[in-house]
Amino acid sequence: MSVLSRLFSWSPLCFLLACTGAPAGDSALQGGDSCTELVSGTWTFSGAAFGMGDETMDALLTFDADACAFTITEWSMAMDDLPNGGVIDGDAVQLDGLNYDWRTCTGVAQDAQSASGTCANDGDPWAIAVSTLGG
């Protein structure tokens, strides 16, 4: 097989890879120089953005004060498309995840134990709060 025919046999795959995922120039989100510091521990997640309707689920939120960023792990339910963290600048929160749409989810940290907002891509609301279950 010639080089040219190999190139064209891979073209559909290359096109698919180039047209999916995060936009070109994607980079890691950066937190602000100062921010509302969230409490690390078990948090409850609610709202249509998480695909749960009126139900809630819990996850472990770990806050990095130096980076004004947080990670979300150990979800109480197994779902493919959940945020894995976010950043805060002042009191402005932005979620992040493997699905780039999570970056459209912005809101406000009301205090160290709660934040809420809306996802611009679909208008779905979201809210997070320290779990009353502890953890």
Protein backbone atom coordinates (compact mmCIF):
# COMPACT_ATOMS: atom_id res chain seq x y z
CA MET A 1 0.00 0.00 0.00
CA SER A 2 1.41 3.39 -0.96
CA VAL A 3 1.88 6.21 1.49
CA LEU A 4 -0.86 8.16 -0.25
CA SER A 5 -3.40 5.35 0.04
CA ARG A 6 -2.50 4.88 3.72
CA LEU A 7 -3.07 8.56 4.34
CA PHE A 8 -6.50 8.50 2.72
CA SER A 9 -7.51 5.29 4.50
CA TRP A 10 -6.96 7.07 7.83
CA SER A 11 -8.57 10.37 6.82
CA PRO A 12 -12.03 9.62 8.30
CA LEU A 13 -10.44 8.64 11.61
CA CYS A 14 -8.22 11.71 11.64
CA PHE A 15 -11.21 13.90 10.82
CA LEU A 16 -13.24 12.38 13.67
CA LEU A 17 -10.43 12.88 16.15
CA ALA A 18 -9.92 16.47 15.07
CA CYS A 19 -13.61 17.30 15.36
CA THR A 20 -14.40 15.85 18.78
CA GLY A 21 -13.49 16.65 22.33
CA ALA A 22 -12.37 20.01 23.65
CA PRO A 23 -11.93 22.96 21.31
CA ALA A 24 -8.50 23.66 19.87
CA GLY A 25 -6.26 25.56 22.24
CA ASP A 26 -7.89 23.91 25.26
CA SER A 27 -5.95 24.39 28.47
CA ALA A 28 -6.37 23.64 32.14
CA LEU A 29 -8.67 25.97 34.05
CA GLN A 30 -6.93 28.38 36.42
CA GLY A 31 -8.27 29.54 39.76
CA GLY A 32 -7.98 33.14 40.86
CA ASP A 33 -5.34 34.78 43.03
CA SER A 34 -7.86 34.77 45.87
CA CYS A 35 -11.06 32.83 46.30
CA THR A 36 -13.77 31.53 48.57
CA GLU A 37 -12.20 28.39 50.04
CA LEU A 38 -14.57 25.42 50.02
CA VAL A 39 -14.52 22.89 52.87
CA SER A 40 -12.94 19.58 51.85
CA GLY A 41 -15.12 16.55 52.55
CA THR A 42 -18.32 14.88 51.41
CA TRP A 43 -20.61 17.16 49.42
CA THR A 44 -24.15 16.68 48.09
CA PHE A 45 -24.76 17.46 44.41
CA SER A 46 -28.22 18.37 43.09
CA GLY A 47 -29.85 19.86 40.05
CA ALA A 48 -30.68 18.91 36.49
CA ALA A 49 -27.07 19.50 35.37
CA PHE A 50 -26.05 16.28 37.13
CA GLY A 51 -28.75 14.29 35.32
CA MET A 52 -30.49 13.21 38.51
CA GLY A 53 -33.82 15.08 38.35
CA ASP A 54 -34.96 15.65 41.95
CA GLU A 55 -32.50 13.10 43.36
CA THR A 56 -29.11 13.96 44.85
CA MET A 57 -25.78 12.20 45.00
CA ASP A 58 -22.66 12.62 47.08
CA ALA A 59 -18.97 12.84 46.22
CA LEU A 60 -15.68 13.76 47.87
CA LEU A 61 -14.64 17.36 47.20
CA THR A 62 -10.99 18.17 47.91
CA PHE A 63 -10.03 21.85 47.87
CA ASP A 64 -6.55 23.18 47.02
CA ALA A 65 -6.37 26.67 48.53
CA ASP A 66 -3.10 27.56 46.77
CA ALA A 67 -4.60 26.89 43.33
CA CYS A 68 -8.16 28.02 44.18
CA ALA A 69 -9.24 24.72 42.62
CA PHE A 70 -11.03 21.57 43.70
CA THR A 71 -11.30 17.95 42.62
CA ILE A 72 -14.41 15.79 42.82
CA THR A 73 -13.96 12.03 43.28
CA GLU A 74 -15.64 9.00 44.85
CA TRP A 75 -19.12 9.66 43.48
CA SER A 76 -21.88 7.75 45.28
CA MET A 77 -23.37 6.72 41.91
CA ALA A 78 -21.63 5.34 38.85
CA MET A 79 -22.29 7.63 35.88
CA ASP A 80 -20.12 8.23 32.83
CA ASP A 81 -20.35 11.99 32.59
CA LEU A 82 -19.82 13.81 35.86
CA PRO A 83 -17.56 16.78 36.62
CA ASN A 84 -14.16 15.99 38.08
CA GLY A 85 -13.42 19.38 39.62
CA GLY A 86 -13.44 23.09 39.08
CA VAL A 87 -11.90 26.44 39.95
CA ILE A 88 -12.89 29.53 41.90
CA ASP A 89 -11.95 33.16 41.28
CA GLY A 90 -13.20 35.38 44.10
CA ASP A 91 -16.61 33.77 44.60
CA ALA A 92 -17.11 32.82 40.90
CA VAL A 93 -17.14 29.04 40.40
CA GLN A 94 -16.53 27.14 37.16
CA LEU A 95 -16.92 23.36 36.93
CA ASP A 96 -14.70 21.12 34.79
CA GLY A 97 -14.76 17.56 33.51
CA LEU A 98 -13.84 15.21 30.71
CA ASN A 99 -16.90 16.45 28.82
CA TYR A 100 -16.04 20.01 27.82
CA ASP A 101 -19.68 21.08 28.42
CA TRP A 102 -18.97 21.11 32.16
CA ARG A 103 -16.89 24.25 31.56
CA THR A 104 -20.12 26.08 30.65
CA CYS A 105 -21.34 25.48 34.23
CA THR A 106 -20.64 28.61 36.24
CA GLY A 107 -22.01 30.04 39.44
CA VAL A 108 -21.24 31.55 42.81
CA ALA A 109 -19.85 30.15 46.06
CA GLN A 110 -22.28 31.51 48.65
CA ASP A 111 -19.85 30.53 51.42
CA ALA A 112 -17.32 27.77 52.23
CA GLN A 113 -20.11 25.18 52.34
CA SER A 114 -22.29 25.87 49.28
CA ALA A 115 -22.25 26.96 45.65
CA SER A 116 -24.79 27.02 42.84
CA GLY A 117 -25.19 28.11 39.26
CA THR A 118 -26.33 27.27 35.74
CA CYS A 119 -24.80 25.54 32.72
CA ALA A 120 -24.84 27.86 29.70
CA ASN A 121 -24.87 25.01 27.17
CA ASP A 122 -28.34 23.78 28.24
CA GLY A 123 -29.61 26.12 30.97
CA ASP A 124 -29.59 23.37 33.59
CA PRO A 125 -29.15 24.48 37.21
CA TRP A 126 -26.70 22.91 39.65
CA ALA A 127 -26.06 23.18 43.38
CA ILE A 128 -23.50 21.72 45.74
CA ALA A 129 -23.41 21.79 49.53
CA VAL A 130 -21.49 20.13 52.33
CA SER A 131 -23.24 16.86 53.04
CA THR A 132 -25.18 16.50 56.25
CA LEU A 133 -23.94 12.89 56.27
CA GLY A 134 -20.45 14.03 57.19
CA GLY A 135 -17.35 12.50 55.73
